Full PDB file with SEQRES, HELIX, SHEET, SSBOND, CRYST1, ORIGX, SCALE, CONECT and MASTER records, all heavy atoms in Angstrom:
SEQRES   1 A   41  ASP ASP ALA ARG ARG LEU ILE GLN MET LYS LEU ALA GLY          
SEQRES   2 A   41  ASP GLY VAL ALA GLN HIS VAL THR TRP ASN GLY ASN ARG          
SEQRES   3 A   41  PHE THR ALA SER VAL GLY TRP GLY PHE ILE LEU LYS VAL          
SEQRES   4 A   41  VAL GLY                                                      
HELIX    1 AA1 ASP A    2  GLY A   13  1                                  12    
HELIX    2 AA2 ALA A   17  HIS A   19  5                                   3    
SHEET    1 AA1 3 VAL A  20  ASN A  23  0                                        
SHEET    2 AA1 3 ARG A  26  VAL A  31 -1                                        
SHEET    3 AA1 3 LEU A  37  VAL A  40 -1                                        
CRYST1    1.000    1.000    1.000  90.00  90.00  90.00 P 1           1          
ORIGX1      1.000000  0.000000  0.000000        0.00000                         
ORIGX2      0.000000  1.000000  0.000000        0.00000                         
ORIGX3      0.000000  0.000000  1.000000        0.00000                         
SCALE1      1.000000  0.000000  0.000000        0.00000                         
SCALE2      0.000000  1.000000  0.000000        0.00000                         
SCALE3      0.000000  0.000000  1.000000        0.00000                         
ATOM      1  N   ASP A   1      27.005-102.775  52.384  1.00  0.00           N  
ATOM      2  CA  ASP A   1      26.779-104.168  51.982  1.00  0.00           C  
ATOM      3  C   ASP A   1      25.561-104.765  52.675  1.00  0.00           C  
ATOM      4  O   ASP A   1      24.752-105.457  52.045  1.00  0.00           O  
ATOM      5  CB  ASP A   1      28.011-105.023  52.277  1.00  0.00           C  
ATOM      6  CG  ASP A   1      29.179-104.733  51.350  1.00  0.00           C  
ATOM      7  OD1 ASP A   1      28.955-104.167  50.259  1.00  0.00           O  
ATOM      8  OD2 ASP A   1      30.318-105.083  51.720  1.00  0.00           O  
ATOM      9  N   ASP A   2      25.430-104.508  53.969  1.00  0.00           N  
ATOM     10  CA  ASP A   2      24.267-105.020  54.696  1.00  0.00           C  
ATOM     11  C   ASP A   2      22.977-104.379  54.196  1.00  0.00           C  
ATOM     12  O   ASP A   2      21.950-105.052  54.052  1.00  0.00           O  
ATOM     13  CB  ASP A   2      24.411-104.784  56.204  1.00  0.00           C  
ATOM     14  CG  ASP A   2      25.425-105.726  56.848  1.00  0.00           C  
ATOM     15  OD1 ASP A   2      25.796-106.739  56.214  1.00  0.00           O  
ATOM     16  OD2 ASP A   2      25.852-105.442  57.982  1.00  0.00           O  
ATOM     17  N   ALA A   3      23.027-103.082  53.929  1.00  0.00           N  
ATOM     18  CA  ALA A   3      21.838-102.397  53.406  1.00  0.00           C  
ATOM     19  C   ALA A   3      21.427-102.984  52.062  1.00  0.00           C  
ATOM     20  O   ALA A   3      20.251-103.285  51.844  1.00  0.00           O  
ATOM     21  CB  ALA A   3      22.112-100.896  53.269  1.00  0.00           C  
ATOM     22  N   ARG A   4      22.402-103.177  51.171  1.00  0.00           N  
ATOM     23  CA  ARG A   4      22.093-103.750  49.859  1.00  0.00           C  
ATOM     24  C   ARG A   4      21.511-105.149  50.002  1.00  0.00           C  
ATOM     25  O   ARG A   4      20.514-105.502  49.376  1.00  0.00           O  
ATOM     26  CB  ARG A   4      23.339-103.778  48.972  1.00  0.00           C  
ATOM     27  CG  ARG A   4      23.030-104.252  47.545  1.00  0.00           C  
ATOM     28  CD  ARG A   4      24.269-104.377  46.672  1.00  0.00           C  
ATOM     29  NE  ARG A   4      25.109-105.439  47.183  1.00  0.00           N  
ATOM     30  CZ  ARG A   4      26.344-105.280  47.655  1.00  0.00           C  
ATOM     31  NH1 ARG A   4      26.901-104.091  47.695  1.00  0.00           N  
ATOM     32  NH2 ARG A   4      27.028-106.307  48.109  1.00  0.00           N  
ATOM     33  N   ARG A   5      22.108-105.962  50.854  1.00  0.00           N  
ATOM     34  CA  ARG A   5      21.644-107.334  51.054  1.00  0.00           C  
ATOM     35  C   ARG A   5      20.201-107.352  51.575  1.00  0.00           C  
ATOM     36  O   ARG A   5      19.356-108.103  51.068  1.00  0.00           O  
ATOM     37  CB  ARG A   5      22.592-108.035  52.027  1.00  0.00           C  
ATOM     38  CG  ARG A   5      22.555-109.518  51.982  1.00  0.00           C  
ATOM     39  CD  ARG A   5      23.662-110.239  52.757  1.00  0.00           C  
ATOM     40  NE  ARG A   5      24.415-109.476  53.735  1.00  0.00           N  
ATOM     41  CZ  ARG A   5      25.622-108.927  53.508  1.00  0.00           C  
ATOM     42  NH1 ARG A   5      26.188-109.013  52.331  1.00  0.00           N  
ATOM     43  NH2 ARG A   5      26.249-108.272  54.472  1.00  0.00           N  
ATOM     44  N   LEU A   6      19.898-106.509  52.562  1.00  0.00           N  
ATOM     45  CA  LEU A   6      18.533-106.455  53.105  1.00  0.00           C  
ATOM     46  C   LEU A   6      17.531-105.990  52.046  1.00  0.00           C  
ATOM     47  O   LEU A   6      16.427-106.533  51.937  1.00  0.00           O  
ATOM     48  CB  LEU A   6      18.482-105.524  54.318  1.00  0.00           C  
ATOM     49  CG  LEU A   6      19.109-106.058  55.596  1.00  0.00           C  
ATOM     50  CD1 LEU A   6      19.258-104.942  56.626  1.00  0.00           C  
ATOM     51  CD2 LEU A   6      18.259-107.195  56.152  1.00  0.00           C  
ATOM     52  N   ILE A   7      17.910-104.986  51.285  1.00  0.00           N  
ATOM     53  CA  ILE A   7      17.016-104.472  50.240  1.00  0.00           C  
ATOM     54  C   ILE A   7      16.802-105.520  49.161  1.00  0.00           C  
ATOM     55  O   ILE A   7      15.660-105.742  48.720  1.00  0.00           O  
ATOM     56  CB  ILE A   7      17.563-103.153  49.665  1.00  0.00           C  
ATOM     57  CG1 ILE A   7      17.450-102.045  50.719  1.00  0.00           C  
ATOM     58  CG2 ILE A   7      16.837-102.768  48.380  1.00  0.00           C  
ATOM     59  CD1 ILE A   7      18.192-100.773  50.373  1.00  0.00           C  
ATOM     60  N   GLN A   8      17.858-106.204  48.751  1.00  0.00           N  
ATOM     61  CA  GLN A   8      17.712-107.237  47.726  1.00  0.00           C  
ATOM     62  C   GLN A   8      16.837-108.388  48.207  1.00  0.00           C  
ATOM     63  O   GLN A   8      16.018-108.909  47.443  1.00  0.00           O  
ATOM     64  CB  GLN A   8      19.091-107.742  47.278  1.00  0.00           C  
ATOM     65  CG  GLN A   8      19.839-106.732  46.436  1.00  0.00           C  
ATOM     66  CD  GLN A   8      21.258-107.157  46.107  1.00  0.00           C  
ATOM     67  OE1 GLN A   8      21.923-107.838  46.892  1.00  0.00           O  
ATOM     68  NE2 GLN A   8      21.725-106.736  44.942  1.00  0.00           N  
ATOM     69  N   MET A   9      16.968-108.780  49.469  1.00  0.00           N  
ATOM     70  CA  MET A   9      16.110-109.837  50.017  1.00  0.00           C  
ATOM     71  C   MET A   9      14.653-109.390  50.042  1.00  0.00           C  
ATOM     72  O   MET A   9      13.752-110.167  49.715  1.00  0.00           O  
ATOM     73  CB  MET A   9      16.579-110.236  51.418  1.00  0.00           C  
ATOM     74  CG  MET A   9      17.859-111.030  51.407  1.00  0.00           C  
ATOM     75  SD  MET A   9      18.509-111.640  53.009  1.00  0.00           S  
ATOM     76  CE  MET A   9      17.516-110.908  54.243  1.00  0.00           C  
ATOM     77  N   LYS A  10      14.412-108.138  50.413  1.00  0.00           N  
ATOM     78  CA  LYS A  10      13.043-107.608  50.450  1.00  0.00           C  
ATOM     79  C   LYS A  10      12.440-107.576  49.048  1.00  0.00           C  
ATOM     80  O   LYS A  10      11.292-107.974  48.840  1.00  0.00           O  
ATOM     81  CB  LYS A  10      13.050-106.207  51.079  1.00  0.00           C  
ATOM     82  CG  LYS A  10      11.719-105.505  51.080  1.00  0.00           C  
ATOM     83  CD  LYS A  10      10.721-106.199  51.969  1.00  0.00           C  
ATOM     84  CE  LYS A  10       9.450-105.389  52.068  1.00  0.00           C  
ATOM     85  NZ  LYS A  10       8.299-106.219  52.366  1.00  0.00           N  
ATOM     86  N   LEU A  11      13.216-107.109  48.059  1.00  0.00           N  
ATOM     87  CA  LEU A  11      12.735-107.065  46.686  1.00  0.00           C  
ATOM     88  C   LEU A  11      12.415-108.460  46.171  1.00  0.00           C  
ATOM     89  O   LEU A  11      11.390-108.673  45.513  1.00  0.00           O  
ATOM     90  CB  LEU A  11      13.763-106.387  45.777  1.00  0.00           C  
ATOM     91  CG  LEU A  11      14.005-104.895  46.027  1.00  0.00           C  
ATOM     92  CD1 LEU A  11      15.235-104.424  45.260  1.00  0.00           C  
ATOM     93  CD2 LEU A  11      12.787-104.081  45.657  1.00  0.00           C  
ATOM     94  N   ALA A  12      13.281-109.430  46.476  1.00  0.00           N  
ATOM     95  CA  ALA A  12      13.038-110.819  46.053  1.00  0.00           C  
ATOM     96  C   ALA A  12      11.787-111.372  46.730  1.00  0.00           C  
ATOM     97  O   ALA A  12      10.953-112.019  46.080  1.00  0.00           O  
ATOM     98  CB  ALA A  12      14.252-111.682  46.372  1.00  0.00           C  
ATOM     99  N   GLY A  13      11.646-111.103  48.025  1.00  0.00           N  
ATOM    100  CA  GLY A  13      10.466-111.566  48.759  1.00  0.00           C  
ATOM    101  C   GLY A  13       9.174-110.970  48.237  1.00  0.00           C  
ATOM    102  O   GLY A  13       8.124-111.614  48.268  1.00  0.00           O  
ATOM    103  N   ASP A  14       9.248-109.740  47.745  1.00  0.00           N  
ATOM    104  CA  ASP A  14       8.074-109.070  47.182  1.00  0.00           C  
ATOM    105  C   ASP A  14       7.832-109.449  45.724  1.00  0.00           C  
ATOM    106  O   ASP A  14       6.856-109.005  45.120  1.00  0.00           O  
ATOM    107  CB  ASP A  14       8.222-107.548  47.282  1.00  0.00           C  
ATOM    108  CG  ASP A  14       8.101-107.045  48.715  1.00  0.00           C  
ATOM    109  OD1 ASP A  14       7.716-107.826  49.603  1.00  0.00           O  
ATOM    110  OD2 ASP A  14       8.404-105.854  48.940  1.00  0.00           O  
ATOM    111  N   GLY A  15       8.763-110.214  45.131  1.00  0.00           N  
ATOM    112  CA  GLY A  15       8.603-110.650  43.747  1.00  0.00           C  
ATOM    113  C   GLY A  15       8.877-109.577  42.709  1.00  0.00           C  
ATOM    114  O   GLY A  15       8.377-109.662  41.589  1.00  0.00           O  
ATOM    115  N   VAL A  16       9.678-108.571  43.063  1.00  0.00           N  
ATOM    116  CA  VAL A  16       9.955-107.494  42.110  1.00  0.00           C  
ATOM    117  C   VAL A  16      11.450-107.341  41.799  1.00  0.00           C  
ATOM    118  O   VAL A  16      11.848-106.404  41.110  1.00  0.00           O  
ATOM    119  CB  VAL A  16       9.389-106.139  42.605  1.00  0.00           C  
ATOM    120  CG1 VAL A  16       7.866-106.202  42.694  1.00  0.00           C  
ATOM    121  CG2 VAL A  16       9.986-105.751  43.951  1.00  0.00           C  
ATOM    122  N   ALA A  17      12.273-108.265  42.284  1.00  0.00           N  
ATOM    123  CA  ALA A  17      13.725-108.169  42.078  1.00  0.00           C  
ATOM    124  C   ALA A  17      14.095-108.140  40.597  1.00  0.00           C  
ATOM    125  O   ALA A  17      15.096-107.522  40.227  1.00  0.00           O  
ATOM    126  CB  ALA A  17      14.440-109.325  42.776  1.00  0.00           C  
ATOM    127  N   GLN A  18      13.299-108.756  39.758  1.00  0.00           N  
ATOM    128  CA  GLN A  18      13.604-108.800  38.321  1.00  0.00           C  
ATOM    129  C   GLN A  18      13.508-107.425  37.656  1.00  0.00           C  
ATOM    130  O   GLN A  18      14.005-107.235  36.559  1.00  0.00           O  
ATOM    131  CB  GLN A  18      12.699-109.799  37.584  1.00  0.00           C  
ATOM    132  CG  GLN A  18      11.263-109.351  37.416  1.00  0.00           C  
ATOM    133  CD  GLN A  18      10.360-109.627  38.619  1.00  0.00           C  
ATOM    134  OE1 GLN A  18      10.832-109.955  39.706  1.00  0.00           O  
ATOM    135  NE2 GLN A  18       9.058-109.500  38.416  1.00  0.00           N  
ATOM    136  N   HIS A  19      12.926-106.457  38.327  1.00  0.00           N  
ATOM    137  CA  HIS A  19      12.794-105.104  37.773  1.00  0.00           C  
ATOM    138  C   HIS A  19      13.955-104.195  38.156  1.00  0.00           C  
ATOM    139  O   HIS A  19      13.983-103.031  37.762  1.00  0.00           O  
ATOM    140  CB  HIS A  19      11.486-104.456  38.246  1.00  0.00           C  
ATOM    141  CG  HIS A  19      10.268-105.168  37.771  1.00  0.00           C  
ATOM    142  ND1 HIS A  19       9.885-105.194  36.449  1.00  0.00           N  
ATOM    143  CD2 HIS A  19       9.351-105.904  38.451  1.00  0.00           C  
ATOM    144  CE1 HIS A  19       8.781-105.908  36.330  1.00  0.00           C  
ATOM    145  NE2 HIS A  19       8.438-106.351  37.527  1.00  0.00           N  
ATOM    146  N   VAL A  20      14.907-104.723  38.942  1.00  0.00           N  
ATOM    147  CA  VAL A  20      16.022-103.912  39.431  1.00  0.00           C  
ATOM    148  C   VAL A  20      17.331-104.423  38.842  1.00  0.00           C  
ATOM    149  O   VAL A  20      17.629-105.612  38.904  1.00  0.00           O  
ATOM    150  CB  VAL A  20      16.096-103.943  40.976  1.00  0.00           C  
ATOM    151  CG1 VAL A  20      17.236-103.057  41.466  1.00  0.00           C  
ATOM    152  CG2 VAL A  20      14.771-103.520  41.583  1.00  0.00           C  
ATOM    153  N   THR A  21      18.099-103.510  38.275  1.00  0.00           N  
ATOM    154  CA  THR A  21      19.423-103.815  37.762  1.00  0.00           C  
ATOM    155  C   THR A  21      20.448-103.184  38.694  1.00  0.00           C  
ATOM    156  O   THR A  21      20.352-101.992  39.001  1.00  0.00           O  
ATOM    157  CB  THR A  21      19.593-103.244  36.333  1.00  0.00           C  
ATOM    158  OG1 THR A  21      18.571-103.792  35.504  1.00  0.00           O  
ATOM    159  CG2 THR A  21      20.958-103.576  35.765  1.00  0.00           C  
ATOM    160  N   TRP A  22      21.415-103.983  39.126  1.00  0.00           N  
ATOM    161  CA  TRP A  22      22.433-103.511  40.060  1.00  0.00           C  
ATOM    162  C   TRP A  22      23.774-103.377  39.363  1.00  0.00           C  
ATOM    163  O   TRP A  22      24.145-104.223  38.552  1.00  0.00           O  
ATOM    164  CB  TRP A  22      22.579-104.484  41.231  1.00  0.00           C  
ATOM    165  CG  TRP A  22      21.385-104.518  42.118  1.00  0.00           C  
ATOM    166  CD1 TRP A  22      20.275-105.305  41.965  1.00  0.00           C  
ATOM    167  CD2 TRP A  22      21.149-103.725  43.271  1.00  0.00           C  
ATOM    168  NE1 TRP A  22      19.372-105.044  42.963  1.00  0.00           N  
ATOM    169  CE2 TRP A  22      19.894-104.082  43.781  1.00  0.00           C  
ATOM    170  CE3 TRP A  22      21.892-102.749  43.929  1.00  0.00           C  
ATOM    171  CZ2 TRP A  22      19.354-103.499  44.921  1.00  0.00           C  
ATOM    172  CZ3 TRP A  22      21.365-102.164  45.060  1.00  0.00           C  
ATOM    173  CH2 TRP A  22      20.114-102.544  45.554  1.00  0.00           C  
ATOM    174  N   ASN A  23      24.497-102.332  39.703  1.00  0.00           N  
ATOM    175  CA  ASN A  23      25.880-102.132  39.282  1.00  0.00           C  
ATOM    176  C   ASN A  23      26.639-101.735  40.541  1.00  0.00           C  
ATOM    177  O   ASN A  23      26.721-100.553  40.873  1.00  0.00           O  
ATOM    178  CB  ASN A  23      25.968-101.055  38.197  1.00  0.00           C  
ATOM    179  CG  ASN A  23      27.380-100.879  37.685  1.00  0.00           C  
ATOM    180  OD1 ASN A  23      28.281-101.630  38.055  1.00  0.00           O  
ATOM    181  ND2 ASN A  23      27.583 -99.877  36.854  1.00  0.00           N  
ATOM    182  N   GLY A  24      27.133-102.739  41.262  1.00  0.00           N  
ATOM    183  CA  GLY A  24      27.697-102.477  42.588  1.00  0.00           C  
ATOM    184  C   GLY A  24      26.577-102.037  43.507  1.00  0.00           C  
ATOM    185  O   GLY A  24      25.566-102.725  43.635  1.00  0.00           O  
ATOM    186  N   ASN A  25      26.713-100.872  44.091  1.00  0.00           N  
ATOM    187  CA  ASN A  25      25.672-100.349  44.982  1.00  0.00           C  
ATOM    188  C   ASN A  25      24.736 -99.370  44.284  1.00  0.00           C  
ATOM    189  O   ASN A  25      23.855 -98.800  44.915  1.00  0.00           O  
ATOM    190  CB  ASN A  25      26.301 -99.679  46.211  1.00  0.00           C  
ATOM    191  CG  ASN A  25      26.812-100.697  47.194  1.00  0.00           C  
ATOM    192  OD1 ASN A  25      26.458-101.870  47.138  1.00  0.00           O  
ATOM    193  ND2 ASN A  25      27.663-100.270  48.104  1.00  0.00           N  
ATOM    194  N   ARG A  26      24.950 -99.150  42.992  1.00  0.00           N  
ATOM    195  CA  ARG A  26      24.031 -98.311  42.215  1.00  0.00           C  
ATOM    196  C   ARG A  26      22.947 -99.214  41.640  1.00  0.00           C  
ATOM    197  O   ARG A  26      23.204-100.369  41.319  1.00  0.00           O  
ATOM    198  CB  ARG A  26      24.775 -97.588  41.091  1.00  0.00           C  
ATOM    199  CG  ARG A  26      25.719 -96.530  41.641  1.00  0.00           C  
ATOM    200  CD  ARG A  26      26.055 -95.425  40.680  1.00  0.00           C  
ATOM    201  NE  ARG A  26      24.936 -94.778  40.018  1.00  0.00           N  
ATOM    202  CZ  ARG A  26      24.110 -93.875  40.564  1.00  0.00           C  
ATOM    203  NH1 ARG A  26      24.272 -93.512  41.810  1.00  0.00           N  
ATOM    204  NH2 ARG A  26      23.145 -93.331  39.870  1.00  0.00           N  
ATOM    205  N   PHE A  27      21.745 -98.675  41.525  1.00  0.00           N  
ATOM    206  CA  PHE A  27      20.642 -99.486  41.012  1.00  0.00           C  
ATOM    207  C   PHE A  27      19.708 -98.656  40.141  1.00  0.00           C  
ATOM    208  O   PHE A  27      19.614 -97.435  40.284  1.00  0.00           O  
ATOM    209  CB  PHE A  27      19.850-100.129  42.157  1.00  0.00           C  
ATOM    210  CG  PHE A  27      19.295 -99.139  43.142  1.00  0.00           C  
ATOM    211  CD1 PHE A  27      18.048 -98.576  42.951  1.00  0.00           C  
ATOM    212  CD2 PHE A  27      20.024 -98.772  44.260  1.00  0.00           C  
ATOM    213  CE1 PHE A  27      17.531 -97.656  43.852  1.00  0.00           C  
ATOM    214  CE2 PHE A  27      19.521 -97.858  45.175  1.00  0.00           C  
ATOM    215  CZ  PHE A  27      18.264 -97.294  44.970  1.00  0.00           C  
ATOM    216  N   THR A  28      19.050 -99.360  39.237  1.00  0.00           N  
ATOM    217  CA  THR A  28      17.996 -98.784  38.414  1.00  0.00           C  
ATOM    218  C   THR A  28      16.819 -99.747  38.451  1.00  0.00           C  
ATOM    219  O   THR A  28      16.996-100.947  38.230  1.00  0.00           O  
ATOM    220  CB  THR A  28      18.455 -98.602  36.952  1.00  0.00           C  
ATOM    221  OG1 THR A  28      19.600 -97.766  36.936  1.00  0.00           O  
ATOM    222  CG2 THR A  28      17.353 -97.983  36.104  1.00  0.00           C  
ATOM    223  N   ALA A  29      15.651 -99.233  38.753  1.00  0.00           N  
ATOM    224  CA  ALA A  29      14.430-100.028  38.726  1.00  0.00           C  
ATOM    225  C   ALA A  29      13.541 -99.454  37.641  1.00  0.00           C  
ATOM    226  O   ALA A  29      13.391 -98.238  37.526  1.00  0.00           O  
ATOM    227  CB  ALA A  29      13.724 -99.963  40.072  1.00  0.00           C  
ATOM    228  N   SER A  30      12.977-100.346  36.848  1.00  0.00           N  
ATOM    229  CA  SER A  30      12.163 -99.881  35.730  1.00  0.00           C  
ATOM    230  C   SER A  30      10.988-100.822  35.511  1.00  0.00           C  
ATOM    231  O   SER A  30      11.143-102.040  35.560  1.00  0.00           O  
ATOM    232  CB  SER A  30      13.036 -99.832  34.470  1.00  0.00           C  
ATOM    233  OG  SER A  30      12.313 -99.336  33.391  1.00  0.00           O  
ATOM    234  N   VAL A  31       9.830-100.232  35.291  1.00  0.00           N  
ATOM    235  CA  VAL A  31       8.620-100.991  34.976  1.00  0.00           C  
ATOM    236  C   VAL A  31       8.021-100.376  33.726  1.00  0.00           C  
ATOM    237  O   VAL A  31       7.914 -99.146  33.610  1.00  0.00           O  
ATOM    238  CB  VAL A  31       7.599-100.939  36.143  1.00  0.00           C  
ATOM    239  CG1 VAL A  31       6.311-101.655  35.770  1.00  0.00           C  
ATOM    240  CG2 VAL A  31       8.201-101.516  37.416  1.00  0.00           C  
ATOM    241  N   GLY A  32       7.656-101.214  32.778  1.00  0.00           N  
ATOM    242  CA  GLY A  32       7.061-100.703  31.535  1.00  0.00           C  
ATOM    243  C   GLY A  32       8.044 -99.866  30.737  1.00  0.00           C  
ATOM    244  O   GLY A  32       7.688 -98.800  30.252  1.00  0.00           O  
ATOM    245  N   TRP A  33       9.284-100.367  30.616  1.00  0.00           N  
ATOM    246  CA  TRP A  33      10.348 -99.670  29.875  1.00  0.00           C  
ATOM    247  C   TRP A  33      10.550 -98.250  30.389  1.00  0.00           C  
ATOM    248  O   TRP A  33      10.940 -97.351  29.655  1.00  0.00           O  
ATOM    249  CB  TRP A  33      10.088 -99.660  28.376  1.00  0.00           C  
ATOM    250  CG  TRP A  33      10.161-101.017  27.781  1.00  0.00           C  
ATOM    251  CD1 TRP A  33      11.293-101.723  27.516  1.00  0.00           C  
ATOM    252  CD2 TRP A  33       9.078-101.844  27.387  1.00  0.00           C  
ATOM    253  NE1 TRP A  33      10.971-102.942  26.999  1.00  0.00           N  
ATOM    254  CE2 TRP A  33       9.607-103.042  26.899  1.00  0.00           C  
ATOM    255  CE3 TRP A  33       7.697-101.690  27.421  1.00  0.00           C  
ATOM    256  CZ2 TRP A  33       8.818-104.084  26.434  1.00  0.00           C  
ATOM    257  CZ3 TRP A  33       6.913-102.719  26.957  1.00  0.00           C  
ATOM    258  CH2 TRP A  33       7.468-103.889  26.463  1.00  0.00           C  
ATOM    259  N   GLY A  34      10.255 -98.028  31.655  1.00  0.00           N  
ATOM    260  CA  GLY A  34      10.453 -96.717  32.263  1.00  0.00           C  
ATOM    261  C   GLY A  34       9.285 -95.765  32.117  1.00  0.00           C  
ATOM    262  O   GLY A  34       9.302 -94.675  32.671  1.00  0.00           O  
ATOM    263  N   PHE A  35       8.249 -96.173  31.374  1.00  0.00           N  
ATOM    264  CA  PHE A  35       7.088 -95.291  31.200  1.00  0.00           C  
ATOM    265  C   PHE A  35       6.203 -95.290  32.444  1.00  0.00           C  
ATOM    266  O   PHE A  35       5.615 -94.279  32.795  1.00  0.00           O  
ATOM    267  CB  PHE A  35       6.270 -95.693  29.978  1.00  0.00           C  
ATOM    268  CG  PHE A  35       6.978 -95.462  28.687  1.00  0.00           C  
ATOM    269  CD1 PHE A  35       7.401 -96.518  27.907  1.00  0.00           C  
ATOM    270  CD2 PHE A  35       7.256 -94.170  28.258  1.00  0.00           C  
ATOM    271  CE1 PHE A  35       8.070 -96.302  26.720  1.00  0.00           C  
ATOM    272  CE2 PHE A  35       7.924 -93.939  27.069  1.00  0.00           C  
ATOM    273  CZ  PHE A  35       8.340 -95.012  26.301  1.00  0.00           C  
ATOM    274  N   ILE A  36       6.093 -96.444  33.092  1.00  0.00           N  
ATOM    275  CA  ILE A  36       5.268 -96.541  34.290  1.00  0.00           C  
ATOM    276  C   ILE A  36       6.072 -96.103  35.512  1.00  0.00           C  
ATOM    277  O   ILE A  36       5.587 -95.355  36.355  1.00  0.00           O  
ATOM    278  CB  ILE A  36       4.736 -97.973  34.472  1.00  0.00           C  
ATOM    279  CG1 ILE A  36       3.809 -98.310  33.309  1.00  0.00           C  
ATOM    280  CG2 ILE A  36       4.033 -98.135  35.815  1.00  0.00           C  
ATOM    281  CD1 ILE A  36       3.349 -99.743  33.280  1.00  0.00           C  
ATOM    282  N   LEU A  37       7.327 -96.551  35.574  1.00  0.00           N  
ATOM    283  CA  LEU A  37       8.168 -96.218  36.717  1.00  0.00           C  
ATOM    284  C   LEU A  37       9.633 -96.364  36.350  1.00  0.00           C  
ATOM    285  O   LEU A  37      10.023 -97.334  35.711  1.00  0.00           O  
ATOM    286  CB  LEU A  37       7.861 -97.155  37.895  1.00  0.00           C  
ATOM    287  CG  LEU A  37       8.819 -97.083  39.082  1.00  0.00           C  
ATOM    288  CD1 LEU A  37       8.703 -95.750  39.794  1.00  0.00           C  
ATOM    289  CD2 LEU A  37       8.570 -98.231  40.031  1.00  0.00           C  
ATOM    290  N   LYS A  38      10.430 -95.398  36.789  1.00  0.00           N  
ATOM    291  CA  LYS A  38      11.878 -95.509  36.711  1.00  0.00           C  
ATOM    292  C   LYS A  38      12.462 -94.877  37.963  1.00  0.00           C  
ATOM    293  O   LYS A  38      12.134 -93.753  38.317  1.00  0.00           O  
ATOM    294  CB  LYS A  38      12.440 -94.821  35.471  1.00  0.00           C  
ATOM    295  CG  LYS A  38      13.947 -94.988  35.365  1.00  0.00           C  
ATOM    296  CD  LYS A  38      14.502 -94.425  34.084  1.00  0.00           C  
ATOM    297  CE  LYS A  38      16.001 -94.666  34.021  1.00  0.00           C  
ATOM    298  NZ  LYS A  38      16.572 -94.075  32.813  1.00  0.00           N  
ATOM    299  N   VAL A  39      13.316 -95.649  38.638  1.00  0.00           N  
ATOM    300  CA  VAL A  39      13.990 -95.181  39.839  1.00  0.00           C  
ATOM    301  C   VAL A  39      15.471 -95.451  39.672  1.00  0.00           C  
ATOM    302  O   VAL A  39      15.870 -96.555  39.310  1.00  0.00           O  
ATOM    303  CB  VAL A  39      13.473 -95.906  41.110  1.00  0.00           C  
ATOM    304  CG1 VAL A  39      14.240 -95.465  42.340  1.00  0.00           C  
ATOM    305  CG2 VAL A  39      11.983 -95.696  41.295  1.00  0.00           C  
ATOM    306  N   VAL A  40      16.288 -94.437  39.925  1.00  0.00           N  
ATOM    307  CA  VAL A  40      17.741 -94.568  39.875  1.00  0.00           C  
ATOM    308  C   VAL A  40      18.278 -94.119  41.223  1.00  0.00           C  
ATOM    309  O   VAL A  40      17.877 -93.067  41.732  1.00  0.00           O  
ATOM    310  CB  VAL A  40      18.347 -93.700  38.749  1.00  0.00           C  
ATOM    311  CG1 VAL A  40      19.864 -93.794  38.749  1.00  0.00           C  
ATOM    312  CG2 VAL A  40      17.770 -94.089  37.396  1.00  0.00           C  
ATOM    313  N   GLY A  41      19.157 -94.925  41.806  1.00  0.00           N  
ATOM    314  CA  GLY A  41      19.682 -94.552  43.108  1.00  0.00           C  
ATOM    315  C   GLY A  41      20.965 -95.263  43.460  1.00  0.00           C  
ATOM    316  O   GLY A  41      21.562 -95.958  42.630  1.00  0.00           O  
TER     317      GLY A  41                                                      
MASTER        0    0    0    2    3    0    0    6  316    1    0    4          
END                                                                             
């Protein structure tokens, strides 16, 4: 929970939180419909 909270605050501070979808502690980040970048973790 602390790790997720810190990461979410960092993403928001960097202005990229809108590119990350969370499902509990699982996440997907996508830029350009996944053509430029897709990260699942």
